Amino acid sequence: MVKVGVVLSGCGFLDGSEIHEAVLTLLALDRAGATAVCLAPDIEQKNVVNHKSGSEAESVRNVLEESARIARGKVQDVAKVQAGALDALVLPGGYGAAKNLCDFASAGVKARVDPGVLKLVREMHAAKKPIAAWCIAPALLAAALKEAHVKLTIGDDAGTAQALEGMGARHVVCPVTEMRVDEANRVVTTPAYMYDARIGDVATGIEKAVAELLRLCR
């Protein structure tokens, strides 16, 4: 059975993983007969946001512990996982991908990736194992794989696309219900909630992207 690492960044779209995207990913993988292995860095969140008011809270939360909420407790420290244990990798979006997994939200084109995440992404890419990313998470791939000039999408936001291209990526426009594949780099991306979209349309894009990711595993 294909094992797919799902890298989470907390719990909640404003400071962690986008929950819809994460759950839709886990559901699509399960329905396709793949085994999801949830991963997250064992670090403090960059900030904590009250999802009701949108204001920043003073509390401190741990990314691994918050990700366990989505993973129903079954989550591993990404820094301790080797590429050899996985067949593919997925990074759902949410601001946590741009705050906790990397610092694209604050650093833009100078973004740096969490060391454990960076190591795994680069190991997977070097082994020619497929990698997928949704929503804002493709920014992490642009930062981690600069020399590869990965073709990817975050939808149609011109400012974000320009930043990704500033890191060496090649951006392509994509609607929410579709995905884009870089066959050479074995990378699949879909915009998801980079659009103000219905959950059903986000699900369609993720389902198509997961199908392509698993095709690349064959």
Protein backbone atom coordinates (compact mmCIF):
# COMPACT_ATOMS: atom_id res chain seq x y z
CA MET A 1 0.00 0.00 0.00
CA VAL A 2 1.26 3.47 -0.91
CA LYS A 3 2.33 5.55 2.10
CA VAL A 4 1.86 9.29 1.79
CA GLY A 5 3.24 11.74 4.31
CA VAL A 6 0.81 14.58 5.09
CA VAL A 7 2.68 17.52 6.59
CA LEU A 8 0.45 19.52 8.93
CA SER A 9 1.22 22.95 10.39
CA GLY A 10 -1.16 23.21 13.34
CA CYS A 11 -4.94 23.37 13.49
CA GLY A 12 -6.87 26.29 12.01
CA PHE A 13 -6.45 28.23 8.78
CA LEU A 14 -5.25 31.49 10.36
CA ASP A 15 -2.31 30.02 12.28
CA GLY A 16 -2.03 26.36 11.26
CA SER A 17 -3.36 23.86 8.72
CA GLU A 18 -6.55 24.70 6.84
CA ILE A 19 -8.78 22.03 8.37
CA HIS A 20 -10.99 21.48 5.33
CA GLU A 21 -7.95 21.01 3.10
CA ALA A 22 -6.29 18.63 5.55
CA VAL A 23 -9.39 16.49 6.05
CA LEU A 24 -10.24 16.43 2.34
CA THR A 25 -6.67 15.27 1.68
CA LEU A 26 -6.90 12.47 4.22
CA LEU A 27 -10.29 11.43 2.83
CA ALA A 28 -9.10 11.42 -0.79
CA LEU A 29 -6.03 9.35 0.11
CA ASP A 30 -8.11 6.83 2.06
CA ARG A 31 -10.68 6.47 -0.72
CA ALA A 32 -7.86 5.86 -3.19
CA GLY A 33 -6.47 3.06 -1.02
CA ALA A 34 -3.37 4.93 0.19
CA THR A 35 -2.13 5.16 3.77
CA ALA A 36 -1.70 8.66 5.18
CA VAL A 37 1.13 9.28 7.63
CA CYS A 38 0.57 12.59 9.41
CA LEU A 39 3.68 14.63 10.20
CA ALA A 40 4.41 18.02 11.78
CA PRO A 41 7.37 19.90 13.25
CA ASP A 42 7.75 19.83 17.03
CA ILE A 43 8.03 23.62 17.39
CA GLU A 44 6.06 26.54 18.80
CA GLN A 45 3.59 28.23 16.47
CA LYS A 46 4.68 31.63 15.21
CA ASN A 47 1.47 33.07 16.64
CA VAL A 48 -1.97 31.99 17.87
CA VAL A 49 -5.11 33.51 16.37
CA ASN A 50 -8.62 33.58 17.80
CA HIS A 51 -10.55 32.14 14.86
CA LYS A 52 -13.80 33.74 16.00
CA SER A 53 -12.54 37.33 16.21
CA GLY A 54 -9.50 37.09 13.95
CA SER A 55 -7.36 38.78 16.60
CA GLU A 56 -4.02 37.48 17.84
CA ALA A 57 -4.03 35.72 21.21
CA GLU A 58 -1.27 35.79 23.83
CA SER A 59 -1.20 32.02 24.33
CA VAL A 60 1.54 29.70 23.06
CA ARG A 61 0.82 26.49 21.16
CA ASN A 62 2.93 23.66 19.78
CA VAL A 63 2.58 22.79 16.09
CA LEU A 64 2.91 19.03 16.62
CA GLU A 65 0.37 19.00 19.44
CA GLU A 66 -2.12 21.15 17.51
CA SER A 67 -1.71 18.99 14.39
CA ALA A 68 -2.62 15.98 16.52
CA ARG A 69 -6.15 17.42 16.70
CA ILE A 70 -6.57 16.80 12.98
CA ALA A 71 -4.60 13.53 12.97
CA ARG A 72 -6.65 12.10 15.86
CA GLY A 73 -3.43 11.84 17.86
CA LYS A 74 -1.48 9.88 15.25
CA VAL A 75 1.18 12.37 14.16
CA GLN A 76 4.96 12.07 13.99
CA ASP A 77 7.73 14.63 14.32
CA VAL A 78 8.64 15.44 10.72
CA ALA A 79 12.32 15.84 11.66
CA LYS A 80 12.49 12.15 12.58
CA VAL A 81 11.01 10.80 9.33
CA GLN A 82 13.16 9.62 6.41
CA ALA A 83 12.13 9.82 2.77
CA GLY A 84 12.70 6.08 2.51
CA ALA A 85 9.67 5.49 4.72
CA LEU A 86 7.31 7.27 2.32
CA ASP A 87 6.20 6.97 -1.30
CA ALA A 88 4.89 10.54 -1.63
CA LEU A 89 4.40 13.75 0.33
CA VAL A 90 1.52 16.25 0.61
CA LEU A 91 1.50 19.69 2.21
CA PRO A 92 -2.02 21.10 2.78
CA GLY A 93 -2.34 24.87 3.06
CA GLY A 94 -3.49 27.29 5.70
CA TYR A 95 -1.40 30.20 6.99
CA GLY A 96 0.51 27.75 9.16
CA ALA A 97 2.26 26.50 6.03
CA ALA A 98 3.58 30.03 5.50
CA LYS A 99 4.18 30.78 9.20
CA ASN A 100 5.25 27.53 10.86
CA LEU A 101 6.54 25.26 8.07
CA CYS A 102 8.33 28.22 6.53
CA ASP A 103 8.31 31.99 7.04
CA PHE A 104 6.97 33.08 3.65
CA ALA A 105 4.19 35.06 5.35
CA SER A 106 6.75 37.46 6.84
CA ALA A 107 9.86 37.02 4.69
CA GLY A 108 8.40 36.71 1.18
CA VAL A 109 11.04 35.87 -1.44
CA LYS A 110 13.63 35.48 1.33
CA ALA A 111 11.59 32.71 2.97
CA ARG A 112 13.35 29.98 4.91
CA VAL A 113 11.92 26.53 5.54
CA ASP A 114 11.79 24.71 8.89
CA PRO A 115 14.91 22.46 8.92
CA GLY A 116 13.02 19.20 9.42
CA VAL A 117 10.52 19.97 6.68
CA LEU A 118 13.28 21.18 4.36
CA LYS A 119 15.29 18.00 4.83
CA LEU A 120 12.32 15.74 4.05
CA VAL A 121 11.18 17.76 1.02
CA ARG A 122 14.66 17.77 -0.46
CA GLU A 123 15.16 14.06 0.24
CA MET A 124 11.85 13.24 -1.45
CA HIS A 125 12.70 15.38 -4.46
CA ALA A 126 16.20 13.87 -4.77
CA ALA A 127 14.66 10.38 -4.67
CA LYS A 128 12.20 11.45 -7.41
CA LYS A 129 9.26 10.74 -5.14
CA PRO A 130 6.19 12.88 -5.89
CA ILE A 131 5.30 15.90 -3.77
CA ALA A 132 2.02 17.83 -3.67
CA ALA A 133 1.01 21.13 -2.10
CA TRP A 134 -2.28 23.01 -1.79
CA CYS A 135 -3.23 26.65 -1.29
CA ILE A 136 -0.25 28.73 -0.04
CA ALA A 137 1.93 25.66 0.65
CA PRO A 138 3.48 25.76 -2.87
CA ALA A 139 5.41 28.78 -1.58
CA LEU A 140 7.31 26.36 0.65
CA LEU A 141 8.25 24.24 -2.37
CA ALA A 142 9.44 27.34 -4.21
CA ALA A 143 11.71 28.16 -1.26
CA ALA A 144 12.92 24.60 -0.69
CA LEU A 145 13.54 23.69 -4.33
CA LYS A 146 14.81 26.95 -5.82
CA GLU A 147 17.33 25.31 -8.13
CA ALA A 148 14.64 23.01 -9.59
CA HIS A 149 12.50 25.91 -10.89
CA VAL A 150 9.35 23.99 -10.05
CA LYS A 151 6.19 24.67 -12.06
CA LEU A 152 3.31 25.22 -9.64
CA THR A 153 0.14 27.18 -8.92
CA ILE A 154 -1.44 29.18 -6.14
CA GLY A 155 -4.41 30.08 -8.34
CA ASP A 156 -4.41 33.55 -9.89
CA ASP A 157 -3.16 35.95 -7.22
CA ALA A 158 -0.64 38.07 -9.12
CA GLY A 159 1.29 39.32 -6.09
CA THR A 160 1.85 35.88 -4.60
CA ALA A 161 2.68 34.42 -8.01
CA GLN A 162 5.31 37.13 -8.51
CA ALA A 163 6.88 36.30 -5.15
CA LEU A 164 7.06 32.62 -6.03
CA GLU A 165 8.68 33.42 -9.35
CA GLY A 166 11.13 35.60 -7.44
CA MET A 167 12.27 32.42 -5.70
CA GLY A 168 12.79 30.64 -9.01
CA ALA A 169 9.45 28.86 -9.41
CA ARG A 170 7.38 28.96 -12.60
CA HIS A 171 3.81 29.94 -11.78
CA VAL A 172 0.80 28.86 -13.85
CA VAL A 173 -2.76 30.06 -13.35
CA CYS A 174 -5.26 27.42 -12.26
CA PRO A 175 -8.96 27.41 -11.25
CA VAL A 176 -9.97 25.98 -7.88
CA THR A 177 -11.45 22.79 -9.35
CA GLU A 178 -8.29 21.88 -11.27
CA MET A 179 -4.64 21.13 -10.52
CA ARG A 180 -1.30 21.52 -12.25
CA VAL A 181 1.44 18.91 -12.63
CA ASP A 182 5.17 19.43 -13.12
CA GLU A 183 6.04 16.06 -14.62
CA ALA A 184 9.79 16.69 -14.60
CA ASN A 185 9.92 17.56 -10.90
CA ARG A 186 7.03 15.23 -9.99
CA VAL A 187 5.14 18.03 -8.23
CA VAL A 188 1.34 18.49 -8.09
CA THR A 189 -0.37 21.68 -6.88
CA THR A 190 -3.93 22.99 -6.59
CA PRO A 191 -5.15 26.42 -5.35
CA ALA A 192 -7.84 25.29 -2.85
CA TYR A 193 -8.69 28.17 -0.50
CA MET A 194 -6.41 30.65 -2.24
CA TYR A 195 -9.80 31.35 -3.79
CA ASP A 196 -12.90 32.37 -1.84
CA ALA A 197 -14.38 29.04 -2.85
CA ARG A 198 -17.08 26.56 -1.93
CA ILE A 199 -15.86 23.51 -0.05
CA GLY A 200 -17.22 21.28 -2.83
CA ASP A 201 -15.04 23.02 -5.41
CA VAL A 202 -12.00 22.81 -3.13
CA ALA A 203 -12.72 19.09 -2.70
CA THR A 204 -12.83 18.59 -6.47
CA GLY A 205 -9.41 20.18 -6.94
CA ILE A 206 -7.85 18.22 -4.09
CA GLU A 207 -9.33 14.93 -5.29
CA LYS A 208 -7.89 15.48 -8.77
CA ALA A 209 -4.53 16.47 -7.33
CA VAL A 210 -4.39 13.41 -5.06
CA ALA A 211 -5.21 11.18 -8.04
CA GLU A 212 -2.30 12.71 -9.98
CA LEU A 213 0.04 12.36 -7.00
CA LEU A 214 -0.76 8.65 -6.74
CA ARG A 215 -0.36 8.23 -10.51
CA LEU A 216 3.17 9.55 -10.15
CA CYS A 217 3.85 6.89 -7.51
CA ARG A 218 3.32 4.09 -10.00
